[in-house]
Amino acid sequence: MIDIFKNIQSTLDATPHLLRLGRLFSETVLIDVDGHEFYLTFEKGRIISVAEGPSRKTPWQFALRTDAEALEKFWQARPEPGFHDVFGLVKIGRGRIDGDILSLVKNLRFFKEVLGLARTRQELAA
């Protein structure tokens, strides 16, 4: 899982439109997959750090909590309904969002497209 987030990090650096979208986003986000925590630290739209947790010392702005199977379905080139979107995961009961929801909503397109960068990897493999 950490390799996927590192791949997203390198892909993001090569995606100018996302860097422009996220230029005002400088936060740490917690991604919790089956109880395994991953901290993505963004600085002006770039992921500057991907750290594996758990860590009680790492403050985060908001968290996306889901299971590995749901995340794999989310990252398919053509995800089925409910797995196509962060809020779709919440709606079907396969995800939960905690923390500062306003920070997420203000940067929703950026965050969704960053997580979706793993789909690009899936499309190239197909």
Protein backbone atom coordinates (compact mmCIF):
# COMPACT_ATOMS: atom_id res chain seq x y z
CA MET A 1 0.00 0.00 0.00
CA ILE A 2 2.83 2.40 0.81
CA ASP A 3 4.20 1.80 -2.71
CA ILE A 4 0.90 2.92 -4.22
CA PHE A 5 0.98 6.17 -2.22
CA LYS A 6 4.61 6.77 -3.23
CA ASN A 7 3.61 6.18 -6.85
CA ILE A 8 0.82 8.73 -6.44
CA GLN A 9 3.43 11.11 -5.03
CA SER A 10 5.69 10.81 -8.07
CA THR A 11 2.78 10.94 -10.53
CA LEU A 12 1.44 14.09 -8.85
CA ASP A 13 4.79 15.83 -9.35
CA ALA A 14 4.39 15.25 -13.10
CA THR A 15 0.77 16.51 -13.27
CA PRO A 16 0.78 20.31 -13.67
CA HIS A 17 -2.99 20.85 -13.58
CA LEU A 18 -3.23 19.10 -10.19
CA LEU A 19 -0.32 21.10 -8.80
CA ARG A 20 -2.18 24.23 -9.85
CA LEU A 21 -5.43 23.00 -8.24
CA GLY A 22 -3.68 22.16 -4.98
CA ARG A 23 -1.40 25.16 -4.73
CA LEU A 24 -3.27 26.39 -1.62
CA PHE A 25 -3.49 22.96 0.03
CA SER A 26 -0.88 22.39 2.74
CA GLU A 27 -2.18 19.79 5.20
CA THR A 28 -1.60 16.28 6.47
CA VAL A 29 -4.24 13.72 5.54
CA LEU A 30 -4.72 10.35 7.21
CA ILE A 31 -5.66 7.40 5.02
CA ASP A 32 -6.70 4.46 7.21
CA VAL A 33 -6.93 1.14 5.35
CA ASP A 34 -8.09 -1.76 7.50
CA GLY A 35 -6.56 -0.11 10.56
CA HIS A 36 -3.21 0.57 8.86
CA GLU A 37 -2.52 4.29 8.90
CA PHE A 38 -0.79 6.28 6.17
CA TYR A 39 -0.06 9.99 6.52
CA LEU A 40 0.16 12.04 3.32
CA THR A 41 1.68 15.45 3.99
CA PHE A 42 0.91 18.03 1.32
CA GLU A 43 2.79 21.29 0.88
CA LYS A 44 1.37 23.67 -1.72
CA GLY A 45 -0.19 20.81 -3.67
CA ARG A 46 2.80 18.46 -3.57
CA ILE A 47 3.07 15.38 -1.43
CA ILE A 48 6.26 15.98 0.50
CA SER A 49 5.96 12.99 2.79
CA VAL A 50 4.28 9.59 2.88
CA ALA A 51 4.61 8.02 6.31
CA GLU A 52 3.25 4.80 7.72
CA GLY A 53 1.62 4.93 11.15
CA PRO A 54 0.21 4.65 13.65
CA SER A 55 1.44 7.86 15.18
CA ARG A 56 -0.19 9.84 17.94
CA LYS A 57 2.27 12.68 17.30
CA THR A 58 1.26 13.34 13.70
CA PRO A 59 -1.62 15.83 13.52
CA TRP A 60 -3.95 15.43 10.54
CA GLN A 61 -6.63 17.67 9.09
CA PHE A 62 -9.05 15.01 7.90
CA ALA A 63 -9.08 11.24 7.51
CA LEU A 64 -10.44 8.78 4.99
CA ARG A 65 -11.06 5.40 6.58
CA THR A 66 -11.87 2.43 4.38
CA ASP A 67 -10.99 -1.21 3.74
CA ALA A 68 -8.44 -2.57 1.29
CA GLU A 69 -10.99 -4.26 -0.96
CA ALA A 70 -12.99 -1.03 -1.33
CA LEU A 71 -9.82 0.91 -2.11
CA GLU A 72 -8.79 -1.63 -4.74
CA LYS A 73 -12.23 -1.28 -6.36
CA PHE A 74 -11.87 2.53 -6.14
CA TRP A 75 -8.55 2.28 -7.99
CA GLN A 76 -9.88 0.14 -10.86
CA ALA A 77 -9.73 1.81 -14.26
CA ARG A 78 -13.55 1.80 -14.37
CA PRO A 79 -14.84 1.47 -10.81
CA GLU A 80 -18.35 0.21 -10.26
CA PRO A 81 -21.00 2.57 -8.85
CA GLY A 82 -20.32 3.56 -5.26
CA PHE A 83 -16.60 2.90 -5.61
CA HIS A 84 -16.04 5.74 -8.09
CA ASP A 85 -15.85 8.53 -5.50
CA VAL A 86 -14.72 9.23 -1.93
CA PHE A 87 -18.25 10.16 -0.89
CA GLY A 88 -19.55 7.15 -2.82
CA LEU A 89 -17.54 4.92 -0.48
CA VAL A 90 -19.16 6.66 2.48
CA LYS A 91 -22.63 6.36 0.97
CA ILE A 92 -22.38 2.59 0.45
CA GLY A 93 -20.94 2.10 3.95
CA ARG A 94 -17.40 1.21 2.86
CA GLY A 95 -15.74 4.42 4.00
CA ARG A 96 -15.80 7.09 6.67
CA ILE A 97 -14.52 10.65 6.72
CA ASP A 98 -13.35 12.15 10.01
CA GLY A 99 -11.90 15.49 10.99
CA ASP A 100 -12.25 18.87 9.30
CA ILE A 101 -14.77 18.16 6.54
CA LEU A 102 -14.64 21.82 5.45
CA SER A 103 -10.96 21.45 4.56
CA LEU A 104 -11.84 18.38 2.47
CA VAL A 105 -14.77 20.04 0.71
CA LYS A 106 -12.75 23.18 -0.09
CA ASN A 107 -10.16 20.97 -1.79
CA LEU A 108 -12.44 18.16 -2.90
CA ARG A 109 -11.60 18.07 -6.61
CA PHE A 110 -7.87 18.15 -5.88
CA PHE A 111 -8.05 15.39 -3.25
CA LYS A 112 -10.28 13.13 -5.37
CA GLU A 113 -8.05 13.52 -8.42
CA VAL A 114 -4.90 12.87 -6.37
CA LEU A 115 -6.35 9.62 -5.00
CA GLY A 116 -7.49 8.77 -8.52
CA LEU A 117 -3.90 8.95 -9.82
CA ALA A 118 -3.57 5.26 -8.92
CA ARG A 119 -6.22 4.61 -11.58
CA THR A 120 -3.79 5.88 -14.21
CA ARG A 121 -1.38 3.14 -13.15
CA GLN A 122 -4.18 0.58 -13.47
CA GLU A 123 -5.14 1.85 -16.95
CA LEU A 124 -1.55 1.57 -18.17
CA ALA A 125 -1.35 -2.01 -16.88
CA ALA A 126 -4.60 -2.98 -18.65
